[in-house]
Protein backbone atom coordinates (compact mmCIF):
# COMPACT_ATOMS: atom_id res chain seq x y z
CA UNK A 1 93.61 -94.91 -52.13
CA UNK A 2 90.88 -92.67 -50.73
CA UNK A 3 88.22 -94.86 -52.36
CA UNK A 4 89.77 -97.94 -50.76
CA UNK A 5 89.76 -96.31 -47.33
CA UNK A 6 86.14 -95.21 -47.77
CA UNK A 7 85.12 -98.69 -48.91
CA UNK A 8 86.75 -100.23 -45.82
CA UNK A 9 85.11 -97.63 -43.57
CA UNK A 10 81.72 -98.21 -45.15
CA UNK A 11 81.96 -101.96 -44.68
CA UNK A 12 83.07 -101.55 -41.06
CA UNK A 13 80.15 -99.28 -40.17
CA UNK A 14 77.40 -100.64 -42.42
CA UNK A 15 76.83 -103.71 -40.26
CA UNK A 16 75.83 -101.56 -37.30
CA UNK A 17 73.71 -99.06 -39.22
CA UNK A 18 71.82 -101.57 -41.37
CA UNK A 19 70.55 -103.44 -38.32
CA UNK A 20 69.84 -100.16 -36.57
CA UNK A 21 67.79 -98.91 -39.52
CA UNK A 22 65.92 -102.22 -39.81
CA UNK A 23 64.94 -102.04 -36.14
CA UNK A 24 63.87 -98.41 -36.52
CA UNK A 25 61.82 -99.21 -39.63
CA UNK A 26 60.04 -102.02 -37.77
CA UNK A 27 59.11 -99.68 -34.91
CA UNK A 28 57.90 -97.03 -37.38
CA UNK A 29 55.75 -99.58 -39.23
CA UNK A 30 54.18 -100.75 -35.95
CA UNK A 31 53.39 -97.15 -35.04
CA UNK A 32 51.96 -96.51 -38.51
CA UNK A 33 49.72 -99.56 -38.31
CA UNK A 34 48.46 -98.74 -34.81
CA UNK A 35 48.12 -95.06 -35.80
CA UNK A 36 49.00 -93.56 -32.40
CA UNK A 37 48.47 -89.99 -33.58
CA UNK A 38 44.90 -90.51 -34.69
CA UNK A 39 42.13 -89.87 -32.23
CA UNK A 40 40.59 -93.06 -30.93
CA UNK A 41 36.86 -92.93 -30.40
CA UNK A 42 36.52 -96.29 -28.74
CA UNK A 43 36.86 -95.04 -25.16
CA UNK A 44 34.34 -92.23 -25.46
CA UNK A 45 31.88 -94.39 -27.35
CA UNK A 46 32.06 -97.24 -24.87
CA UNK A 47 31.94 -95.08 -21.76
CA UNK A 48 28.20 -95.56 -21.34
CA UNK A 49 28.20 -99.16 -22.45
CA UNK A 50 29.84 -100.67 -19.39
CA UNK A 51 33.09 -101.94 -17.93
CA UNK A 52 34.04 -104.68 -20.42
CA UNK A 53 33.85 -102.33 -23.39
CA UNK A 54 36.03 -99.81 -21.59
CA UNK A 55 38.63 -102.45 -20.76
CA UNK A 56 38.58 -103.71 -24.36
CA UNK A 57 39.19 -100.21 -25.67
CA UNK A 58 42.02 -99.59 -23.23
CA UNK A 59 44.11 -102.48 -24.59
CA UNK A 60 44.82 -100.97 -28.04
CA UNK A 61 45.28 -97.54 -26.45
CA UNK A 62 47.93 -98.94 -24.11
CA UNK A 63 49.63 -100.70 -27.02
CA UNK A 64 49.62 -97.46 -29.01
CA UNK A 65 51.19 -95.64 -26.07
CA UNK A 66 53.94 -98.24 -25.73
CA UNK A 67 54.59 -98.11 -29.49
CA UNK A 68 54.78 -94.32 -29.38
CA UNK A 69 57.28 -94.42 -26.49
CA UNK A 70 59.39 -96.97 -28.39
CA UNK A 71 59.32 -94.69 -31.42
CA UNK A 72 60.66 -91.73 -29.41
CA UNK A 73 63.29 -93.91 -27.76
CA UNK A 74 64.33 -95.33 -31.13
CA UNK A 75 64.93 -91.82 -32.47
CA UNK A 76 67.13 -91.05 -29.47
CA UNK A 77 68.90 -94.39 -29.90
CA UNK A 78 69.65 -93.68 -33.56
CA UNK A 79 71.23 -90.36 -32.65
CA UNK A 80 73.27 -91.87 -29.83
CA UNK A 81 74.45 -94.87 -31.85
CA UNK A 82 75.43 -92.63 -34.77
CA UNK A 83 77.44 -90.40 -32.43
CA UNK A 84 79.13 -93.36 -30.72
CA UNK A 85 80.08 -95.02 -34.01
CA UNK A 86 81.54 -91.77 -35.37
CA UNK A 87 83.62 -91.31 -32.22
CA UNK A 88 84.78 -94.90 -31.84
CA UNK A 89 85.75 -95.38 -35.50
CA UNK A 90 88.05 -92.33 -35.40
CA UNK A 91 89.38 -92.94 -31.90
CA UNK A 92 90.17 -96.63 -32.28
CA UNK A 93 91.27 -96.57 -35.90
CA UNK A 94 93.58 -93.54 -35.81
CA UNK A 95 94.34 -92.80 -32.15
CA UNK A 96 94.21 -96.27 -30.61
CA UNK A 97 96.21 -99.44 -31.16
CA UNK A 98 95.05 -99.61 -34.78
CA UNK A 99 96.67 -96.22 -35.32
CA UNK A 100 100.14 -97.80 -35.41
CA UNK A 101 99.06 -99.68 -38.53
CA UNK A 102 96.98 -96.90 -40.11
CA UNK A 103 99.78 -94.35 -39.80
CA UNK A 104 102.21 -96.65 -41.61
CA UNK A 105 99.98 -97.09 -44.66
CA UNK A 106 101.04 -95.22 -47.83
CA UNK A 107 98.25 -92.68 -47.44
CA UNK A 108 98.28 -89.09 -46.27
CA UNK A 109 96.79 -87.83 -43.02
CA UNK A 110 94.24 -85.91 -45.09
CA UNK A 111 93.01 -89.11 -46.74
CA UNK A 112 92.68 -90.86 -43.39
CA UNK A 113 90.64 -88.00 -41.98
CA UNK A 114 88.58 -87.43 -45.12
CA UNK A 115 87.60 -91.08 -45.53
CA UNK A 116 86.16 -91.22 -42.03
CA UNK A 117 84.62 -87.76 -42.32
CA UNK A 118 82.70 -88.51 -45.52
CA UNK A 119 81.33 -91.82 -44.23
CA UNK A 120 80.40 -90.26 -40.89
CA UNK A 121 78.50 -87.46 -42.62
CA UNK A 122 76.84 -90.00 -44.93
CA UNK A 123 75.43 -91.97 -41.98
CA UNK A 124 74.36 -88.77 -40.21
CA UNK A 125 72.45 -87.66 -43.31
CA UNK A 126 70.86 -91.11 -43.69
CA UNK A 127 69.74 -91.03 -40.06
CA UNK A 128 68.19 -87.57 -40.43
CA UNK A 129 66.43 -88.52 -43.68
CA UNK A 130 64.94 -91.66 -42.10
CA UNK A 131 63.66 -89.69 -39.11
CA UNK A 132 62.06 -87.08 -41.39
CA UNK A 133 60.44 -89.78 -43.52
CA UNK A 134 59.10 -91.45 -40.37
CA UNK A 135 57.52 -88.15 -39.29
CA UNK A 136 55.86 -87.78 -42.68
CA UNK A 137 54.57 -91.36 -42.47
CA UNK A 138 53.11 -90.67 -39.01
CA UNK A 139 51.41 -87.55 -40.31
CA UNK A 140 49.99 -89.44 -43.29
CA UNK A 141 48.68 -92.28 -41.09
CA UNK A 142 47.10 -89.76 -38.71
CA UNK A 143 45.05 -88.40 -41.61
CA UNK A 144 46.41 -84.87 -41.39
CA UNK A 145 48.82 -85.00 -44.33
CA UNK A 146 46.50 -82.88 -46.49
CA UNK A 147 46.46 -80.13 -43.87
CA UNK A 148 50.24 -80.37 -43.58
CA UNK A 149 50.58 -80.12 -47.37
CA UNK A 150 48.33 -77.03 -47.39
CA UNK A 151 50.51 -75.38 -44.76
CA UNK A 152 53.57 -76.06 -46.88
CA UNK A 153 51.86 -74.61 -49.94
CA UNK A 154 50.92 -71.49 -48.01
CA UNK A 155 54.47 -71.21 -46.72
CA UNK A 156 56.01 -71.44 -50.18
CA UNK A 157 53.38 -69.02 -51.54
CA UNK A 158 54.57 -66.23 -49.24
CA UNK A 159 55.90 -63.07 -50.83
CA UNK A 160 59.44 -64.03 -49.84
CA UNK A 161 62.35 -66.06 -51.23
CA UNK A 162 61.23 -69.17 -49.34
CA UNK A 163 62.83 -71.60 -51.78
CA UNK A 164 66.18 -69.89 -51.37
CA UNK A 165 65.79 -70.01 -47.59
CA UNK A 166 65.11 -73.73 -47.71
CA UNK A 167 68.13 -74.40 -49.93
CA UNK A 168 70.36 -72.22 -47.73
CA UNK A 169 69.13 -73.88 -44.54
CA UNK A 170 69.71 -77.36 -45.97
CA UNK A 171 73.20 -76.32 -47.06
CA UNK A 172 73.85 -74.83 -43.63
CA UNK A 173 72.71 -78.04 -41.92
CA UNK A 174 74.97 -80.10 -44.16
CA UNK A 175 77.94 -77.84 -43.47
CA UNK A 176 77.07 -77.92 -39.75
CA UNK A 177 77.15 -81.73 -39.90
CA UNK A 178 80.64 -81.63 -41.37
CA UNK A 179 81.67 -79.07 -38.76
CA UNK A 180 80.17 -81.12 -35.92
CA UNK A 181 82.04 -84.27 -36.92
CA UNK A 182 85.27 -82.33 -37.38
CA UNK A 183 84.84 -80.80 -33.92
CA UNK A 184 84.76 -84.33 -32.49
CA UNK A 185 87.85 -85.27 -34.50
CA UNK A 186 89.72 -82.15 -33.40
CA UNK A 187 88.82 -82.77 -29.75
CA UNK A 188 89.94 -86.41 -29.86
CA UNK A 189 93.18 -85.44 -31.61
CA UNK A 190 93.93 -82.66 -29.13
CA UNK A 191 92.72 -84.34 -25.93
CA UNK A 192 95.71 -86.69 -25.34
CA UNK A 193 97.99 -83.65 -25.38
CA UNK A 194 95.96 -81.82 -22.73
CA UNK A 195 95.55 -84.48 -20.06
CA UNK A 196 97.05 -87.89 -19.37
CA UNK A 197 93.52 -89.26 -19.35
CA UNK A 198 92.67 -89.47 -23.06
CA UNK A 199 88.90 -89.46 -22.55
CA UNK A 200 89.00 -86.60 -20.07
CA UNK A 201 91.34 -84.61 -22.29
CA UNK A 202 89.08 -85.16 -25.29
CA UNK A 203 86.03 -83.98 -23.35
CA UNK A 204 87.90 -80.89 -22.14
CA UNK A 205 89.13 -80.16 -25.66
CA UNK A 206 85.62 -80.53 -27.07
CA UNK A 207 84.20 -78.10 -24.51
CA UNK A 208 86.86 -75.54 -25.36
CA UNK A 209 86.43 -76.00 -29.11
CA UNK A 210 82.63 -75.81 -28.80
CA UNK A 211 82.78 -72.54 -26.85
CA UNK A 212 85.16 -71.01 -29.37
CA UNK A 213 83.00 -72.21 -32.28
CA UNK A 214 79.87 -70.62 -30.79
CA UNK A 215 81.67 -67.30 -30.43
CA UNK A 216 82.82 -67.56 -34.04
CA UNK A 217 79.32 -68.30 -35.39
CA UNK A 218 77.64 -65.63 -33.26
CA UNK A 219 80.38 -63.13 -34.09
CA UNK A 220 79.93 -63.70 -37.81
CA UNK A 221 76.14 -63.48 -37.52
CA UNK A 222 75.97 -60.32 -35.48
CA UNK A 223 78.89 -58.70 -37.25
CA UNK A 224 77.39 -59.11 -40.70
CA UNK A 225 73.88 -58.23 -39.49
CA UNK A 226 75.19 -55.16 -37.69
CA UNK A 227 77.08 -53.93 -40.74
CA UNK A 228 74.09 -54.57 -43.00
CA UNK A 229 71.33 -53.11 -40.81
CA UNK A 230 72.97 -51.15 -38.04
CA UNK A 231 72.33 -51.40 -34.28
CA UNK A 232 68.91 -51.43 -32.56
CA UNK A 233 67.28 -53.28 -35.45
CA UNK A 234 64.51 -54.75 -33.28
CA UNK A 235 63.67 -51.36 -31.77
CA UNK A 236 63.55 -49.78 -35.21
CA UNK A 237 61.37 -52.55 -36.66
CA UNK A 238 58.85 -52.39 -33.81
CA UNK A 239 57.62 -48.99 -34.97
CA UNK A 240 57.09 -49.95 -38.61
CA UNK A 241 54.04 -51.21 -40.42
CA UNK A 242 53.67 -54.76 -41.73
CA UNK A 243 55.02 -54.00 -45.19
CA UNK A 244 57.95 -52.06 -43.75
CA UNK A 245 58.72 -54.88 -41.34
CA UNK A 246 58.81 -57.30 -44.27
CA UNK A 247 61.29 -55.00 -45.96
CA UNK A 248 63.56 -55.53 -42.95
CA UNK A 249 62.78 -59.12 -41.93
CA UNK A 250 63.31 -60.68 -45.36
CA UNK A 251 66.81 -59.20 -45.87
CA UNK A 252 67.60 -60.04 -42.24
CA UNK A 253 66.68 -63.71 -42.71
CA UNK A 254 68.68 -63.78 -45.94
CA UNK A 255 71.68 -62.38 -44.10
CA UNK A 256 71.38 -64.64 -41.05
CA UNK A 257 70.97 -67.86 -43.04
CA UNK A 258 73.97 -66.98 -45.17
CA UNK A 259 76.11 -66.02 -42.17
CA UNK A 260 75.22 -69.23 -40.33
CA UNK A 261 76.43 -71.13 -43.39
CA UNK A 262 79.63 -69.10 -43.47
CA UNK A 263 80.17 -69.38 -39.72
CA UNK A 264 79.79 -73.17 -39.72
CA UNK A 265 82.14 -73.39 -42.71
CA UNK A 266 84.76 -71.36 -40.81
CA UNK A 267 84.40 -73.62 -37.76
CA UNK A 268 84.65 -76.74 -39.91
CA UNK A 269 87.75 -75.46 -41.72
CA UNK A 270 89.41 -74.56 -38.43
CA UNK A 271 88.70 -78.00 -36.95
CA UNK A 272 89.97 -79.67 -40.13
CA UNK A 273 93.33 -77.89 -39.96
CA UNK A 274 93.58 -78.47 -36.20
CA UNK A 275 92.94 -82.20 -36.65
CA UNK A 276 95.42 -82.41 -39.50
CA UNK A 277 98.05 -80.54 -37.48
CA UNK A 278 97.60 -82.74 -34.40
CA UNK A 279 97.78 -85.98 -36.39
CA UNK A 280 100.81 -84.77 -38.34
CA UNK A 281 102.88 -82.95 -35.71
CA UNK A 282 101.47 -83.86 -32.28
CA UNK A 283 100.22 -87.41 -32.70
CA UNK A 284 100.01 -89.21 -29.36
CA UNK A 285 99.26 -92.93 -29.53
CA UNK A 286 100.47 -93.73 -26.03
């Protein structure tokens, strides 16, 4: 039944995201073709030639500027649309009028939550991947991809577990995505029980959950780092040489990346159980 719910959720959301991604791809291609990051020499070269040449060179520059602004706005639009779709699909489908039907289906609350969670995370990951690929395309079209590749090679050639850091950071971002979506779900599930205004109650619940989650993540980070390295770490490291600092910084980064992963996992698990509890015991569809 979970596969059926996920298939329905994918079909319901794919229409929005496919057109959104097509529009974003078109804007990226226009920016790549106009190459807004590359330095244009037309203005400087035509400065001594006279007015018409200057005006002719300003036209493509203005077009490049407009394309660049559209690119930035499209990135913001993708983030906003993704957030809105995630919120509306959960709110309308489980907490709105459709909830009377969804809650009578022969599926568990966990399956209802999980189906929406997995699809929401899928679209969030797709959005992030497309944005990263667009950045790489811009860098390549600007002619600085070789320099960027050299910087990456130098970074991975450091005498440090860089590959493990990258894997841990990617895992932490993925877990944070799950936790972020679950925080929204927990807030929307709890909000109607806090205030009569469902939207206002959801916003209030999200603020409270967010504050608590930040304390949890920071508490895990500083608690583990404090136990591993002791207090006044920065003061101690400031008096060491470069090699000694590396002996401290590398284990510190290892610890912090791992604790961020653990902290986000704790927040996500807490929001999962809170959402499940509210939908099972305190469901308010009024």
